[in-house]
């Protein structure tokens, strides 16, 4: 009887220890296959989310970098089985994996960035990219000497069309006669990691008269920026502040607060206030903006800054309405 009691007690303590371990496993993130040093979307989560949270909170966010599509799901499942949470999935490519794994682990918390997954234990964070793109489109038109600006997108999906449509609206808000040339890099996720193709598309636009090009193409944008430098033209970065990549060439960057969004989801969970559902972040919420720093300040006049700041205020106040391509899969305004 005593032996049984001892065994039951040991089992009880073991289960309790495992329960505490699971509860204290901590926050986690799974990057997309481009990796956390892609100088764009994933790196923004790492630099302004993971690193900042680690420093502020004295904890270590568990990181996983999948090498292929199958490993996205595997990484999520492994982290969930070990008690991590919230697990932040970086990018729309995680939609099916998050939906599946969240169903398998109903007591775990998942947060997906740039996509909506309708599960009771999933928080979906999406952004008003068309608002930020409108601002950089206005800047492009204010800076353009040729009356032609360009856009290079990554994978041809509605989300990237949303960037282009906002950019075009911003450019034409400044100059209704401006011409906006646009190209998409491809139809698969590989389109976000093809700098050679990005350079080729940018050069084609430059030869057609474009003097400012906006890239919403992940790692492909690196080739666009290099081409702009080589041709003596200007480029606009995306997601993270990419002004430093080509100082004097980068007119600005359309930044998305993906890092702070990840930070907030972990912080909310630590405070017990994490909630599932959809969060939409635009200019008013600090979710998107344009970047001004030491790397591009020589390219931005006081008049340009004042104009864009006024446009930003009008968008937040609802005085300027921007069409969201994803609302009806069309760009009209």
Protein backbone atom coordinates (compact mmCIF):
# COMPACT_ATOMS: atom_id res chain seq x y z
CA UNK A 1 0.00 0.00 0.00
CA UNK A 2 2.84 2.37 0.93
CA UNK A 3 4.59 1.49 -2.30
CA UNK A 4 1.44 2.32 -4.29
CA UNK A 5 1.09 5.58 -2.39
CA UNK A 6 4.73 6.48 -3.10
CA UNK A 7 4.27 5.67 -6.78
CA UNK A 8 1.10 7.73 -6.97
CA UNK A 9 2.82 10.61 -5.18
CA UNK A 10 5.81 10.47 -7.53
CA UNK A 11 3.47 10.32 -10.53
CA UNK A 12 1.54 13.27 -9.16
CA UNK A 13 4.67 15.33 -8.69
CA UNK A 14 5.90 14.34 -12.15
CA UNK A 15 2.64 15.40 -13.78
CA UNK A 16 2.68 18.66 -11.82
CA UNK A 17 6.25 19.32 -12.91
CA UNK A 18 5.38 18.62 -16.53
CA UNK A 19 2.37 20.91 -16.23
CA UNK A 20 4.51 23.75 -14.84
CA UNK A 21 7.11 23.14 -17.52
CA UNK A 22 4.49 23.34 -20.23
CA UNK A 23 2.99 26.47 -18.76
CA UNK A 24 6.39 28.14 -18.51
CA UNK A 25 7.84 27.04 -21.84
CA UNK A 26 7.46 30.63 -23.04
CA UNK A 27 6.83 32.49 -26.27
CA UNK A 28 7.89 31.21 -29.67
CA UNK A 29 8.11 32.20 -33.31
CA UNK A 30 8.29 30.27 -36.56
CA UNK A 31 9.73 32.28 -39.43
CA UNK A 32 8.88 31.67 -43.04
CA UNK A 33 11.39 29.80 -45.20
CA UNK A 34 13.11 33.04 -46.25
CA UNK A 35 14.64 33.04 -42.77
CA UNK A 36 15.00 35.62 -40.05
CA UNK A 37 17.80 37.44 -41.87
CA UNK A 38 15.90 38.13 -45.09
CA UNK A 39 16.45 41.91 -44.61
CA UNK A 40 12.70 42.35 -44.94
CA UNK A 41 9.55 40.83 -43.43
CA UNK A 42 10.99 38.06 -41.28
CA UNK A 43 13.92 40.16 -40.10
CA UNK A 44 11.52 42.89 -39.01
CA UNK A 45 9.88 40.36 -36.66
CA UNK A 46 13.30 39.32 -35.39
CA UNK A 47 14.86 42.77 -34.96
CA UNK A 48 11.89 44.73 -33.64
CA UNK A 49 10.01 41.88 -32.01
CA UNK A 50 12.12 38.99 -30.79
CA UNK A 51 15.30 40.87 -29.88
CA UNK A 52 13.43 43.68 -28.16
CA UNK A 53 11.21 41.30 -26.21
CA UNK A 54 14.19 39.21 -25.10
CA UNK A 55 15.96 42.32 -23.82
CA UNK A 56 12.94 43.92 -22.18
CA UNK A 57 11.58 40.81 -20.49
CA UNK A 58 14.75 38.87 -19.78
CA UNK A 59 13.39 35.80 -21.53
CA UNK A 60 14.32 33.97 -24.70
CA UNK A 61 11.74 33.66 -27.44
CA UNK A 62 12.08 30.18 -28.92
CA UNK A 63 12.81 30.46 -32.65
CA UNK A 64 12.39 28.02 -35.50
CA UNK A 65 13.42 28.52 -39.14
CA UNK A 66 11.85 26.00 -41.53
CA UNK A 67 13.87 25.02 -44.55
CA UNK A 68 10.88 23.99 -46.63
CA UNK A 69 7.09 24.08 -46.69
CA UNK A 70 6.62 20.82 -44.79
CA UNK A 71 8.72 22.08 -41.90
CA UNK A 72 6.32 24.96 -41.25
CA UNK A 73 3.73 22.54 -39.92
CA UNK A 74 6.35 20.38 -38.21
CA UNK A 75 7.81 23.38 -36.40
CA UNK A 76 4.44 24.58 -35.16
CA UNK A 77 3.52 21.09 -33.94
CA UNK A 78 6.83 20.58 -32.16
CA UNK A 79 6.59 23.89 -30.33
CA UNK A 80 2.97 23.35 -29.36
CA UNK A 81 3.70 19.84 -28.06
CA UNK A 82 6.42 21.28 -25.85
CA UNK A 83 4.10 23.83 -24.31
CA UNK A 84 5.25 27.01 -26.05
CA UNK A 85 2.84 29.86 -26.61
CA UNK A 86 1.81 32.10 -28.05
CA UNK A 87 3.49 30.73 -31.15
CA UNK A 88 3.82 33.46 -33.76
CA UNK A 89 3.66 32.25 -37.37
CA UNK A 90 5.28 34.78 -39.68
CA UNK A 91 3.38 35.23 -42.92
CA UNK A 92 0.34 34.18 -44.93
CA UNK A 93 2.07 30.98 -46.08
CA UNK A 94 1.35 29.53 -42.62
CA UNK A 95 -2.44 29.64 -43.00
CA UNK A 96 -3.09 25.94 -43.59
CA UNK A 97 -0.42 24.82 -41.13
CA UNK A 98 -1.76 27.05 -38.36
CA UNK A 99 -5.33 25.93 -39.00
CA UNK A 100 -4.34 22.28 -38.77
CA UNK A 101 -1.99 22.46 -35.77
CA UNK A 102 -4.25 24.84 -33.82
CA UNK A 103 -6.98 22.23 -34.18
CA UNK A 104 -4.67 19.56 -32.78
CA UNK A 105 -3.65 21.71 -29.80
CA UNK A 106 -6.81 23.58 -28.73
CA UNK A 107 -5.22 24.69 -25.46
CA UNK A 108 -2.23 26.34 -27.16
CA UNK A 109 -2.20 29.94 -28.37
CA UNK A 110 -1.22 30.77 -31.94
CA UNK A 111 -0.80 34.14 -33.64
CA UNK A 112 -0.52 34.43 -37.42
CA UNK A 113 0.71 37.57 -39.15
CA UNK A 114 -0.75 38.66 -42.50
CA UNK A 115 -3.56 36.12 -42.68
CA UNK A 116 -6.84 35.28 -40.98
CA UNK A 117 -7.34 31.82 -39.49
CA UNK A 118 -10.72 31.33 -37.88
CA UNK A 119 -9.98 29.19 -34.84
CA UNK A 120 -10.88 29.85 -31.18
CA UNK A 121 -7.20 29.70 -30.17
CA UNK A 122 -5.77 31.79 -33.02
CA UNK A 123 -5.09 35.50 -33.11
CA UNK A 124 -4.90 36.89 -36.66
CA UNK A 125 -3.00 40.14 -37.21
CA UNK A 126 -3.47 41.88 -40.55
CA UNK A 127 -2.35 45.29 -41.75
CA UNK A 128 -3.69 48.13 -43.87
CA UNK A 129 -0.80 47.95 -46.33
CA UNK A 130 -2.76 50.12 -48.75
CA UNK A 131 -2.53 53.04 -46.32
CA UNK A 132 1.24 52.88 -45.95
CA UNK A 133 1.65 52.25 -49.68
CA UNK A 134 -0.47 55.32 -50.40
CA UNK A 135 2.02 57.44 -48.46
CA UNK A 136 5.09 56.12 -50.27
CA UNK A 137 3.24 56.44 -53.59
CA UNK A 138 2.67 60.10 -52.81
CA UNK A 139 6.37 60.49 -52.01
CA UNK A 140 7.33 58.76 -55.27
CA UNK A 141 5.16 61.18 -57.26
CA UNK A 142 6.51 64.18 -55.39
CA UNK A 143 10.07 63.07 -56.18
CA UNK A 144 9.63 61.79 -59.73
CA UNK A 145 11.03 63.94 -62.52
CA UNK A 146 9.84 61.73 -65.38
CA UNK A 147 6.18 61.38 -64.46
CA UNK A 148 6.64 57.61 -64.37
CA UNK A 149 7.00 55.46 -61.26
CA UNK A 150 7.20 51.70 -60.91
CA UNK A 151 6.21 48.78 -58.71
CA UNK A 152 7.79 45.32 -58.46
CA UNK A 153 5.76 42.77 -56.52
CA UNK A 154 6.73 39.32 -55.34
CA UNK A 155 4.17 36.54 -55.61
CA UNK A 156 1.13 37.56 -57.63
CA UNK A 157 -1.54 37.32 -54.94
CA UNK A 158 -4.22 39.74 -53.72
CA UNK A 159 -2.10 40.82 -50.74
CA UNK A 160 0.70 42.09 -52.99
CA UNK A 161 -1.83 43.66 -55.36
CA UNK A 162 -3.07 45.52 -52.29
CA UNK A 163 0.36 47.15 -51.94
CA UNK A 164 0.43 48.11 -55.61
CA UNK A 165 -3.08 49.52 -55.62
CA UNK A 166 -2.42 51.70 -52.57
CA UNK A 167 0.85 52.91 -54.11
CA UNK A 168 -0.85 53.80 -57.38
CA UNK A 169 -3.60 55.71 -55.57
CA UNK A 170 -1.03 57.70 -53.58
CA UNK A 171 0.97 58.58 -56.68
CA UNK A 172 -2.14 59.72 -58.56
CA UNK A 173 -3.38 61.68 -55.57
CA UNK A 174 -0.33 63.91 -56.12
CA UNK A 175 -0.25 63.74 -59.91
CA UNK A 176 -3.37 62.37 -61.65
CA UNK A 177 -1.42 62.10 -64.90
CA UNK A 178 1.47 60.07 -63.52
CA UNK A 179 2.09 56.68 -65.12
CA UNK A 180 2.52 53.65 -62.84
CA UNK A 181 4.27 50.62 -64.34
CA UNK A 182 4.01 47.35 -62.44
CA UNK A 183 5.34 43.81 -62.64
CA UNK A 184 4.93 40.74 -60.46
CA UNK A 185 7.88 38.40 -60.06
CA UNK A 186 6.08 35.06 -60.11
CA UNK A 187 3.19 32.90 -58.98
CA UNK A 188 4.85 30.82 -56.24
CA UNK A 189 6.48 31.69 -52.89
CA UNK A 190 9.85 31.54 -54.67
CA UNK A 191 8.94 34.95 -56.12
CA UNK A 192 9.90 36.46 -52.77
CA UNK A 193 13.47 35.19 -53.01
CA UNK A 194 14.65 36.03 -56.55
CA UNK A 195 16.83 39.17 -56.47
CA UNK A 196 18.13 38.51 -60.00
CA UNK A 197 14.58 38.62 -61.38
CA UNK A 198 13.86 41.70 -59.27
CA UNK A 199 16.84 43.48 -60.81
CA UNK A 200 15.76 42.45 -64.31
CA UNK A 201 12.22 43.79 -63.82
CA UNK A 202 13.45 47.04 -62.29
CA UNK A 203 15.89 47.65 -65.14
CA UNK A 204 13.10 47.08 -67.65
CA UNK A 205 11.00 49.72 -65.91
CA UNK A 206 13.91 52.15 -65.73
CA UNK A 207 14.47 51.75 -69.48
CA UNK A 208 10.80 52.71 -69.95
CA UNK A 209 11.31 55.98 -68.08
CA UNK A 210 10.58 55.08 -64.46
CA UNK A 211 12.73 56.96 -61.97
CA UNK A 212 11.30 55.67 -58.67
CA UNK A 213 10.40 52.03 -58.03
CA UNK A 214 8.64 50.46 -55.03
CA UNK A 215 9.34 46.81 -54.27
CA UNK A 216 6.93 44.69 -52.23
CA UNK A 217 8.79 41.49 -52.88
CA UNK A 218 10.70 40.26 -49.83
CA UNK A 219 14.25 39.20 -50.70
CA UNK A 220 13.58 39.89 -54.39
CA UNK A 221 13.60 43.57 -53.50
CA UNK A 222 17.34 43.41 -52.79
CA UNK A 223 17.89 43.07 -56.53
CA UNK A 224 15.52 45.95 -57.24
CA UNK A 225 17.45 48.25 -54.90
CA UNK A 226 20.80 47.26 -56.38
CA UNK A 227 19.48 47.93 -59.89
CA UNK A 228 18.23 51.35 -58.79
CA UNK A 229 21.67 52.20 -57.42
CA UNK A 230 23.39 50.96 -60.58
CA UNK A 231 21.04 53.01 -62.78
CA UNK A 232 21.15 56.16 -60.65
CA UNK A 233 17.43 55.86 -59.86
CA UNK A 234 15.48 55.72 -56.61
CA UNK A 235 13.84 52.80 -54.80
CA UNK A 236 11.36 52.32 -51.96
CA UNK A 237 11.72 49.49 -49.45
CA UNK A 238 9.04 47.49 -47.69
CA UNK A 239 8.06 45.87 -44.38
CA UNK A 240 11.18 46.74 -42.39
CA UNK A 241 13.10 50.00 -42.69
CA UNK A 242 15.42 49.17 -45.60
CA UNK A 243 16.81 52.68 -46.07
CA UNK A 244 20.24 51.55 -44.84
CA UNK A 245 20.62 48.98 -47.61
CA UNK A 246 21.38 51.55 -50.31
CA UNK A 247 21.85 54.99 -48.69
CA UNK A 248 21.12 57.76 -51.16
CA UNK A 249 19.16 55.37 -53.38
CA UNK A 250 16.35 54.46 -51.00
CA UNK A 251 13.79 57.25 -51.09
CA UNK A 252 12.00 55.68 -48.11
CA UNK A 253 10.53 52.39 -46.88
CA UNK A 254 6.93 51.43 -46.20
CA UNK A 255 7.28 49.90 -42.76
CA UNK A 256 4.88 47.43 -41.19
CA UNK A 257 4.81 46.99 -37.44
CA UNK A 258 5.16 43.22 -37.60
CA UNK A 259 7.81 43.16 -34.87
CA UNK A 260 5.82 45.26 -32.39
CA UNK A 261 2.75 43.17 -33.22
CA UNK A 262 4.62 39.99 -32.29
CA UNK A 263 5.95 41.67 -29.13
CA UNK A 264 2.44 42.68 -28.11
CA UNK A 265 0.99 39.20 -28.56
CA UNK A 266 3.65 37.71 -26.27
CA UNK A 267 3.30 40.53 -23.77
CA UNK A 268 -0.49 40.23 -23.70
CA UNK A 269 -0.19 36.52 -23.01
CA UNK A 270 2.23 37.16 -20.15
CA UNK A 271 -0.29 39.62 -18.69
CA UNK A 272 -3.19 37.28 -19.22
CA UNK A 273 -4.91 39.56 -21.72
CA UNK A 274 -4.19 37.67 -24.96
CA UNK A 275 -7.32 37.21 -27.06
CA UNK A 276 -8.07 35.27 -30.24
CA UNK A 277 -9.73 36.93 -33.21
CA UNK A 278 -8.77 39.48 -35.83
CA UNK A 279 -6.67 42.59 -35.22
CA UNK A 280 -6.38 45.13 -38.03
CA UNK A 281 -3.49 47.60 -37.87
CA UNK A 282 -3.25 50.70 -40.05
CA UNK A 283 -1.87 54.22 -39.75
CA UNK A 284 -4.11 55.07 -36.79
CA UNK A 285 -2.91 52.00 -34.88
CA UNK A 286 0.77 52.47 -35.74
CA UNK A 287 0.69 49.37 -37.91
CA UNK A 288 2.11 51.00 -41.06
CA UNK A 289 4.10 54.15 -41.84
CA UNK A 290 6.92 55.55 -43.93
CA UNK A 291 10.55 55.76 -42.79
CA UNK A 292 12.66 58.89 -42.45
CA UNK A 293 16.17 58.60 -41.05
CA UNK A 294 19.79 59.57 -41.63
CA UNK A 295 19.98 57.37 -44.72
CA UNK A 296 17.29 59.15 -46.73
CA UNK A 297 16.84 62.56 -45.10
CA UNK A 298 18.86 64.27 -47.86
CA UNK A 299 16.28 63.04 -50.40
CA UNK A 300 13.22 64.31 -48.51
CA UNK A 301 12.62 68.06 -48.56
CA UNK A 302 10.74 69.86 -45.81
CA UNK A 303 7.91 70.45 -48.27
CA UNK A 304 7.70 66.74 -49.14
CA UNK A 305 7.63 65.76 -45.47
CA UNK A 306 4.96 68.33 -44.66
CA UNK A 307 2.82 67.15 -47.57
CA UNK A 308 3.04 63.47 -46.64
CA UNK A 309 2.44 64.21 -42.96
CA UNK A 310 -0.70 66.12 -43.94
CA UNK A 311 -1.88 63.22 -46.10
CA UNK A 312 -1.25 60.81 -43.23
CA UNK A 313 -3.34 62.97 -40.88
CA UNK A 314 -6.16 63.12 -43.44
CA UNK A 315 -6.16 59.33 -43.88
CA UNK A 316 -6.36 58.81 -40.12
CA UNK A 317 -9.15 61.41 -39.90
CA UNK A 318 -11.06 59.66 -42.67
CA UNK A 319 -10.79 62.60 -45.06
CA UNK A 320 -8.92 60.49 -47.62
CA UNK A 321 -10.47 57.14 -48.49
CA UNK A 322 -8.18 54.48 -49.95
CA UNK A 323 -9.54 51.51 -51.83
CA UNK A 324 -8.43 48.14 -50.48
CA UNK A 325 -7.73 45.79 -53.40
CA UNK A 326 -8.57 42.76 -51.25
CA UNK A 327 -12.11 44.01 -50.64
CA UNK A 328 -13.14 43.10 -54.19
CA UNK A 329 -9.95 41.98 -55.97
CA UNK A 330 -9.84 45.09 -58.10
CA UNK A 331 -8.04 48.42 -58.09
CA UNK A 332 -10.48 51.24 -58.71
CA UNK A 333 -10.64 54.70 -57.21
